[in-house]
Structure formats: structure tokens, C-alpha cells
Amino acid sequence: MTSIQQYTRGQVSAVQFYRFWSGHVDALERHLSAKTWALAAVAVVVIVYPIARIMIPAILHGIVPEVVRSVLNLT
């Protein structure tokens, strides 16, 4: 076995991967305090909110044609 083979994932079914991931998430839930979860949630909101405020209008502006915007007065 080469050194890279021990780190690469073989053929794993979706069920096996789900069980593996679920076990890791369960371990996190058991060992992290409520303060840590709250801090993580605040960090996610602080990061995602400005990105969403910039990206959603930009995506809508790119998707919705100018004619529709003028009819709906979205400009």
C-alpha cells in the first residue's frame, strides 16, 4: 500500500457515507456547548447576510430580462 492509498476513499455506498457523516455530526452535537453553537450561528449569519444582500439582487438582475423589470418596475 502506498502512502496515498491509505488516505483515498474506496468505493463507498451512500448509506455508508451517511452513517459516517451522521456519526461525526452526532459527536459534535454531544461535545459542543450551547455557547459554541450560538457563536457558530452568529458567525454564519455575519458571513452569509452581506453575501446574500449583494448576490441575490445581482443574480436576479442577470436572470430577469430588462422588459420584465420595466413592466414590474423592479429597476
C-alpha atoms as a PDB file:
ATOM      1  CA  MET A   1       0.000   0.000   0.000  1.00  0.00           C
ATOM      2  CA  THR A   2       1.384   3.373  -0.960  1.00  0.00           C
ATOM      3  CA  SER A   3       1.067   6.331   1.337  1.00  0.00           C
ATOM      4  CA  ILE A   4      -1.637   7.954  -0.794  1.00  0.00           C
ATOM      5  CA  GLN A   5      -3.821   4.824  -0.866  1.00  0.00           C
ATOM      6  CA  GLN A   6      -4.387   4.873   2.845  1.00  0.00           C
ATOM      7  CA  TYR A   7      -5.971   8.314   2.587  1.00  0.00           C
ATOM      8  CA  THR A   8      -8.084   7.836  -0.524  1.00  0.00           C
ATOM      9  CA  ARG A   9     -11.632   6.676  -0.180  1.00  0.00           C
ATOM     10  CA  GLY A  10     -12.563   3.436  -1.906  1.00  0.00           C
ATOM     11  CA  GLN A  11     -15.966   2.561  -3.247  1.00  0.00           C
ATOM     12  CA  VAL A  12     -18.351   3.679  -0.526  1.00  0.00           C
ATOM     13  CA  SER A  13     -22.098   3.497  -0.797  1.00  0.00           C
ATOM     14  CA  ALA A  14     -24.252   6.497   0.001  1.00  0.00           C
ATOM     15  CA  VAL A  15     -25.624   4.735   3.079  1.00  0.00           C
ATOM     16  CA  GLN A  16     -22.133   4.106   4.465  1.00  0.00           C
ATOM     17  CA  PHE A  17     -21.147   7.712   3.855  1.00  0.00           C
ATOM     18  CA  TYR A  18     -24.354   8.957   5.508  1.00  0.00           C
ATOM     19  CA  ARG A  19     -23.733   6.817   8.588  1.00  0.00           C
ATOM     20  CA  PHE A  20     -20.131   8.027   8.775  1.00  0.00           C
ATOM     21  CA  TRP A  21     -21.160  11.678   8.437  1.00  0.00           C
ATOM     22  CA  SER A  22     -24.052  11.274  10.858  1.00  0.00           C
ATOM     23  CA  GLY A  23     -21.704   9.805  13.449  1.00  0.00           C
ATOM     24  CA  HIS A  24     -19.407  12.812  13.168  1.00  0.00           C
ATOM     25  CA  VAL A  25     -22.288  15.270  13.480  1.00  0.00           C
ATOM     26  CA  ASP A  26     -23.669  13.406  16.483  1.00  0.00           C
ATOM     27  CA  ALA A  27     -20.245  13.583  18.139  1.00  0.00           C
ATOM     28  CA  LEU A  28     -20.136  17.327  17.522  1.00  0.00           C
ATOM     29  CA  GLU A  29     -23.602  17.799  18.976  1.00  0.00           C
ATOM     30  CA  ARG A  30     -22.665  15.906  22.118  1.00  0.00           C
ATOM     31  CA  HIS A  31     -19.400  17.714  22.775  1.00  0.00           C
ATOM     32  CA  LEU A  32     -20.076  21.331  21.850  1.00  0.00           C
ATOM     33  CA  SER A  33     -21.750  23.631  24.336  1.00  0.00           C
ATOM     34  CA  ALA A  34     -24.737  25.847  23.612  1.00  0.00           C
ATOM     35  CA  LYS A  35     -22.488  28.910  23.685  1.00  0.00           C
ATOM     36  CA  THR A  36     -20.295  27.402  20.985  1.00  0.00           C
ATOM     37  CA  TRP A  37     -23.311  26.626  18.800  1.00  0.00           C
ATOM     38  CA  ALA A  38     -24.636  30.165  19.304  1.00  0.00           C
ATOM     39  CA  LEU A  39     -21.267  31.643  18.390  1.00  0.00           C
ATOM     40  CA  ALA A  40     -21.110  29.480  15.277  1.00  0.00           C
ATOM     41  CA  ALA A  41     -24.627  30.547  14.274  1.00  0.00           C
ATOM     42  CA  VAL A  42     -23.769  34.224  14.712  1.00  0.00           C
ATOM     43  CA  ALA A  43     -20.599  33.763  12.661  1.00  0.00           C
ATOM     44  CA  VAL A  44     -22.572  32.103   9.856  1.00  0.00           C
ATOM     45  CA  VAL A  45     -25.153  34.909   9.832  1.00  0.00           C
ATOM     46  CA  VAL A  46     -22.444  37.599   9.829  1.00  0.00           C
ATOM     47  CA  ILE A  47     -20.772  35.946   6.842  1.00  0.00           C
ATOM     48  CA  VAL A  48     -23.871  34.954   4.839  1.00  0.00           C
ATOM     49  CA  TYR A  49     -26.019  38.079   5.283  1.00  0.00           C
ATOM     50  CA  PRO A  50     -23.807  40.551   3.355  1.00  0.00           C
ATOM     51  CA  ILE A  51     -23.127  37.987   0.648  1.00  0.00           C
ATOM     52  CA  ALA A  52     -26.854  37.366   0.222  1.00  0.00           C
ATOM     53  CA  ARG A  53     -27.584  41.111   0.185  1.00  0.00           C
ATOM     54  CA  ILE A  54     -25.134  41.513  -2.709  1.00  0.00           C
ATOM     55  CA  MET A  55     -25.589  38.262  -4.618  1.00  0.00           C
ATOM     56  CA  ILE A  56     -29.380  37.869  -4.713  1.00  0.00           C
ATOM     57  CA  PRO A  57     -30.017  41.224  -6.450  1.00  0.00           C
ATOM     58  CA  ALA A  58     -27.105  40.591  -8.827  1.00  0.00           C
ATOM     59  CA  ILE A  59     -28.445  37.153  -9.755  1.00  0.00           C
ATOM     60  CA  LEU A  60     -31.978  38.493 -10.223  1.00  0.00           C
ATOM     61  CA  HIS A  61     -30.642  41.348 -12.336  1.00  0.00           C
ATOM     62  CA  GLY A  62     -28.842  38.851 -14.546  1.00  0.00           C
ATOM     63  CA  ILE A  63     -31.758  36.435 -14.849  1.00  0.00           C
ATOM     64  CA  VAL A  64     -34.752  38.732 -15.233  1.00  0.00           C
ATOM     65  CA  PRO A  65     -34.832  40.443 -18.651  1.00  0.00           C
ATOM     66  CA  GLU A  66     -34.991  44.231 -18.875  1.00  0.00           C
ATOM     67  CA  VAL A  67     -38.504  44.114 -20.360  1.00  0.00           C
ATOM     68  CA  VAL A  68     -39.860  42.208 -17.375  1.00  0.00           C
ATOM     69  CA  ARG A  69     -38.141  44.594 -14.966  1.00  0.00           C
ATOM     70  CA  SER A  70     -39.641  47.591 -16.709  1.00  0.00           C
ATOM     71  CA  VAL A  71     -43.124  46.045 -16.642  1.00  0.00           C
ATOM     72  CA  LEU A  72     -42.824  45.026 -12.998  1.00  0.00           C
ATOM     73  CA  ASN A  73     -40.930  48.220 -12.165  1.00  0.00           C
ATOM     74  CA  LEU A  74     -38.095  46.315 -10.451  1.00  0.00           C
ATOM     75  CA  THR A  75     -35.341  48.697 -11.554  1.00  0.00           C
END
